[in-house]
């Protein structure tokens, strides 16, 4: 799967860990930055990830910050993006099953790195249920 990833300084460490994990799983990953822990403005790095996913250049996108809230907000400003902020495995499953999310937002300050990797793994393999959720997704658009 082609996956775009990006973070601000507060999500940098987990971004690097997740990027390595995705490569180990055989995914094609492009890192949109940031490339250090130096303080940056998150929209500069998150919006390009969302735009690339919306264009269809990537199948999915993952964005990270301290809480993940701002990153999800920025991503969802891009038409065609459904980015969910997930905090545990259950929220990640529902993010895909019910919302057909094409982007995932995570907060490095909100969870362990092990939990973040579990969320990413389940989010990537969980399928959209369709059915009654299709109408709801169409209403978003």
C-alpha atoms as a PDB file:
ATOM      1  CA  UNK A   1       0.000   0.000   0.000  1.00  0.00           C
ATOM      2  CA  UNK A   2       1.208   3.535  -0.741  1.00  0.00           C
ATOM      3  CA  UNK A   3       1.108   5.571   2.473  1.00  0.00           C
ATOM      4  CA  UNK A   4       1.900   9.253   3.051  1.00  0.00           C
ATOM      5  CA  UNK A   5       3.084  10.241   6.526  1.00  0.00           C
ATOM      6  CA  UNK A   6       3.775  13.547   8.224  1.00  0.00           C
ATOM      7  CA  UNK A   7       4.121  15.128  11.626  1.00  0.00           C
ATOM      8  CA  UNK A   8       5.084  18.185  13.553  1.00  0.00           C
ATOM      9  CA  UNK A   9       7.928  18.214  16.070  1.00  0.00           C
ATOM     10  CA  UNK A  10       5.729  16.726  18.819  1.00  0.00           C
ATOM     11  CA  UNK A  11       4.949  13.666  16.693  1.00  0.00           C
ATOM     12  CA  UNK A  12       8.379  13.285  15.111  1.00  0.00           C
ATOM     13  CA  UNK A  13       9.646  10.333  17.189  1.00  0.00           C
ATOM     14  CA  UNK A  14       6.529   8.216  16.592  1.00  0.00           C
ATOM     15  CA  UNK A  15       6.527   9.174  12.907  1.00  0.00           C
ATOM     16  CA  UNK A  16      10.001   7.734  12.570  1.00  0.00           C
ATOM     17  CA  UNK A  17       9.008   4.566  14.445  1.00  0.00           C
ATOM     18  CA  UNK A  18       5.829   4.108  12.397  1.00  0.00           C
ATOM     19  CA  UNK A  19       7.653   4.768   9.144  1.00  0.00           C
ATOM     20  CA  UNK A  20      10.145   1.996   9.923  1.00  0.00           C
ATOM     21  CA  UNK A  21       7.292  -0.333  10.947  1.00  0.00           C
ATOM     22  CA  UNK A  22       5.434   0.334   7.678  1.00  0.00           C
ATOM     23  CA  UNK A  23       8.557  -0.407   5.642  1.00  0.00           C
ATOM     24  CA  UNK A  24       8.978  -3.699   7.530  1.00  0.00           C
ATOM     25  CA  UNK A  25       5.391  -4.596   6.586  1.00  0.00           C
ATOM     26  CA  UNK A  26       6.237  -3.965   2.929  1.00  0.00           C
ATOM     27  CA  UNK A  27       4.410  -0.682   2.422  1.00  0.00           C
ATOM     28  CA  UNK A  28       5.642   2.125   0.164  1.00  0.00           C
ATOM     29  CA  UNK A  29       5.952   5.170   2.451  1.00  0.00           C
ATOM     30  CA  UNK A  30       6.658   8.806   1.650  1.00  0.00           C
ATOM     31  CA  UNK A  31       7.633  11.103   4.512  1.00  0.00           C
ATOM     32  CA  UNK A  32       6.348  14.674   4.166  1.00  0.00           C
ATOM     33  CA  UNK A  33       8.293  15.855   7.229  1.00  0.00           C
ATOM     34  CA  UNK A  34       9.071  17.335   9.620  1.00  0.00           C
ATOM     35  CA  UNK A  35      12.550  15.884   9.850  1.00  0.00           C
ATOM     36  CA  UNK A  36      13.562  16.847  13.385  1.00  0.00           C
ATOM     37  CA  UNK A  37      12.272  17.717  16.852  1.00  0.00           C
ATOM     38  CA  UNK A  38      12.738  21.435  16.146  1.00  0.00           C
ATOM     39  CA  UNK A  39       9.501  23.350  16.708  1.00  0.00           C
ATOM     40  CA  UNK A  40       7.430  23.822  13.530  1.00  0.00           C
ATOM     41  CA  UNK A  41       3.894  24.798  12.547  1.00  0.00           C
ATOM     42  CA  UNK A  42       1.982  21.549  11.953  1.00  0.00           C
ATOM     43  CA  UNK A  43      -0.260  22.731   9.067  1.00  0.00           C
ATOM     44  CA  UNK A  44       2.835  23.144   6.880  1.00  0.00           C
ATOM     45  CA  UNK A  45       3.484  19.382   7.083  1.00  0.00           C
ATOM     46  CA  UNK A  46      -0.012  17.964   7.496  1.00  0.00           C
ATOM     47  CA  UNK A  47      -1.843  19.693   4.651  1.00  0.00           C
ATOM     48  CA  UNK A  48       0.486  18.309   1.930  1.00  0.00           C
ATOM     49  CA  UNK A  49      -0.105  14.771   3.243  1.00  0.00           C
ATOM     50  CA  UNK A  50      -3.874  15.276   3.044  1.00  0.00           C
ATOM     51  CA  UNK A  51      -3.684  16.846  -0.412  1.00  0.00           C
ATOM     52  CA  UNK A  52      -1.592  13.943  -1.718  1.00  0.00           C
ATOM     53  CA  UNK A  53      -4.104  11.412  -0.371  1.00  0.00           C
ATOM     54  CA  UNK A  54      -7.045  13.410  -1.762  1.00  0.00           C
ATOM     55  CA  UNK A  55      -5.397  13.504  -5.216  1.00  0.00           C
ATOM     56  CA  UNK A  56      -5.052   9.729  -5.129  1.00  0.00           C
ATOM     57  CA  UNK A  57      -1.248   9.727  -5.077  1.00  0.00           C
ATOM     58  CA  UNK A  58      -1.459   7.625  -1.888  1.00  0.00           C
ATOM     59  CA  UNK A  59      -4.054   5.153  -0.663  1.00  0.00           C
ATOM     60  CA  UNK A  60      -3.798   6.253   2.961  1.00  0.00           C
ATOM     61  CA  UNK A  61      -2.211   8.927   5.107  1.00  0.00           C
ATOM     62  CA  UNK A  62      -0.992   9.022   8.694  1.00  0.00           C
ATOM     63  CA  UNK A  63      -0.353  12.256  10.571  1.00  0.00           C
ATOM     64  CA  UNK A  64       1.006  12.816  14.047  1.00  0.00           C
ATOM     65  CA  UNK A  65       1.345  15.561  16.622  1.00  0.00           C
ATOM     66  CA  UNK A  66       1.337  15.982  20.357  1.00  0.00           C
ATOM     67  CA  UNK A  67      -2.381  15.266  20.732  1.00  0.00           C
ATOM     68  CA  UNK A  68      -3.297  14.619  17.090  1.00  0.00           C
ATOM     69  CA  UNK A  69      -6.230  17.028  17.324  1.00  0.00           C
ATOM     70  CA  UNK A  70      -4.819  19.860  15.219  1.00  0.00           C
ATOM     71  CA  UNK A  71      -3.501  17.427  12.662  1.00  0.00           C
ATOM     72  CA  UNK A  72      -6.932  15.834  12.196  1.00  0.00           C
ATOM     73  CA  UNK A  73      -8.524  19.277  11.871  1.00  0.00           C
ATOM     74  CA  UNK A  74      -6.056  20.356   9.172  1.00  0.00           C
ATOM     75  CA  UNK A  75      -6.421  17.110   7.234  1.00  0.00           C
ATOM     76  CA  UNK A  76     -10.222  17.278   7.309  1.00  0.00           C
ATOM     77  CA  UNK A  77     -10.161  20.732   5.708  1.00  0.00           C
ATOM     78  CA  UNK A  78      -9.090  19.027   2.468  1.00  0.00           C
ATOM     79  CA  UNK A  79     -12.020  17.861   0.339  1.00  0.00           C
ATOM     80  CA  UNK A  80     -12.161  14.080   0.058  1.00  0.00           C
ATOM     81  CA  UNK A  81     -10.330  13.419   3.300  1.00  0.00           C
ATOM     82  CA  UNK A  82     -11.855  11.538   6.214  1.00  0.00           C
ATOM     83  CA  UNK A  83      -9.247  11.680   8.951  1.00  0.00           C
ATOM     84  CA  UNK A  84      -9.995  10.207  12.337  1.00  0.00           C
ATOM     85  CA  UNK A  85      -8.155  10.838  15.574  1.00  0.00           C
ATOM     86  CA  UNK A  86      -7.658   7.428  17.168  1.00  0.00           C
ATOM     87  CA  UNK A  87      -6.552   6.718  20.710  1.00  0.00           C
ATOM     88  CA  UNK A  88      -6.913   2.923  20.955  1.00  0.00           C
ATOM     89  CA  UNK A  89      -7.413  -0.144  18.776  1.00  0.00           C
ATOM     90  CA  UNK A  90     -11.217  -0.022  19.057  1.00  0.00           C
ATOM     91  CA  UNK A  91     -11.389   3.561  17.809  1.00  0.00           C
ATOM     92  CA  UNK A  92      -9.136   2.627  14.877  1.00  0.00           C
ATOM     93  CA  UNK A  93     -11.349  -0.309  13.906  1.00  0.00           C
ATOM     94  CA  UNK A  94     -14.466   1.869  13.926  1.00  0.00           C
ATOM     95  CA  UNK A  95     -12.606   4.604  12.054  1.00  0.00           C
ATOM     96  CA  UNK A  96     -12.245   2.216   9.128  1.00  0.00           C
ATOM     97  CA  UNK A  97     -15.385   0.057   9.469  1.00  0.00           C
ATOM     98  CA  UNK A  98     -17.880   2.891   9.831  1.00  0.00           C
ATOM     99  CA  UNK A  99     -16.136   5.960   8.411  1.00  0.00           C
ATOM    100  CA  UNK A 100     -13.983   4.500   5.618  1.00  0.00           C
ATOM    101  CA  UNK A 101     -11.243   6.858   6.842  1.00  0.00           C
ATOM    102  CA  UNK A 102      -8.399   7.415   4.429  1.00  0.00           C
ATOM    103  CA  UNK A 103      -6.279   9.188   7.035  1.00  0.00           C
ATOM    104  CA  UNK A 104      -5.324   8.459  10.617  1.00  0.00           C
ATOM    105  CA  UNK A 105      -4.234  11.002  13.221  1.00  0.00           C
ATOM    106  CA  UNK A 106      -2.286  10.030  16.334  1.00  0.00           C
ATOM    107  CA  UNK A 107      -1.052  11.937  19.375  1.00  0.00           C
ATOM    108  CA  UNK A 108       2.437  11.023  20.534  1.00  0.00           C
ATOM    109  CA  UNK A 109       1.814  12.519  23.981  1.00  0.00           C
ATOM    110  CA  UNK A 110      -1.394  10.524  24.393  1.00  0.00           C
ATOM    111  CA  UNK A 111      -0.201   6.912  24.083  1.00  0.00           C
ATOM    112  CA  UNK A 112       2.750   4.573  24.178  1.00  0.00           C
ATOM    113  CA  UNK A 113       4.649   3.794  21.011  1.00  0.00           C
ATOM    114  CA  UNK A 114       3.436   0.186  21.299  1.00  0.00           C
ATOM    115  CA  UNK A 115      -0.184   1.353  21.291  1.00  0.00           C
ATOM    116  CA  UNK A 116       0.493   3.616  18.311  1.00  0.00           C
ATOM    117  CA  UNK A 117       1.901   0.694  16.339  1.00  0.00           C
ATOM    118  CA  UNK A 118      -1.060  -1.526  17.272  1.00  0.00           C
ATOM    119  CA  UNK A 119      -3.445   1.202  16.096  1.00  0.00           C
ATOM    120  CA  UNK A 120      -1.604   1.612  12.796  1.00  0.00           C
ATOM    121  CA  UNK A 121      -1.535  -2.123  12.163  1.00  0.00           C
ATOM    122  CA  UNK A 122      -5.244  -2.686  12.785  1.00  0.00           C
ATOM    123  CA  UNK A 123      -6.216   0.517  10.929  1.00  0.00           C
ATOM    124  CA  UNK A 124      -4.401  -0.663   7.812  1.00  0.00           C
ATOM    125  CA  UNK A 125      -6.073  -4.082   7.664  1.00  0.00           C
ATOM    126  CA  UNK A 126      -9.609  -3.164   8.749  1.00  0.00           C
ATOM    127  CA  UNK A 127     -12.073  -2.983   5.867  1.00  0.00           C
ATOM    128  CA  UNK A 128     -14.985  -0.591   5.414  1.00  0.00           C
ATOM    129  CA  UNK A 129     -18.267  -2.365   6.240  1.00  0.00           C
ATOM    130  CA  UNK A 130     -20.330  -0.512   3.660  1.00  0.00           C
ATOM    131  CA  UNK A 131     -24.060  -1.096   4.116  1.00  0.00           C
ATOM    132  CA  UNK A 132     -25.785   1.602   6.154  1.00  0.00           C
ATOM    133  CA  UNK A 133     -22.498   3.514   6.395  1.00  0.00           C
ATOM    134  CA  UNK A 134     -22.344   4.246   2.648  1.00  0.00           C
ATOM    135  CA  UNK A 135     -25.219   6.726   2.862  1.00  0.00           C
ATOM    136  CA  UNK A 136     -23.532   8.491   5.775  1.00  0.00           C
ATOM    137  CA  UNK A 137     -20.223   8.758   3.936  1.00  0.00           C
ATOM    138  CA  UNK A 138     -22.048  10.217   0.928  1.00  0.00           C
ATOM    139  CA  UNK A 139     -23.658  12.812   3.205  1.00  0.00           C
ATOM    140  CA  UNK A 140     -20.207  13.946   4.338  1.00  0.00           C
ATOM    141  CA  UNK A 141     -19.180  14.665   0.773  1.00  0.00           C
END
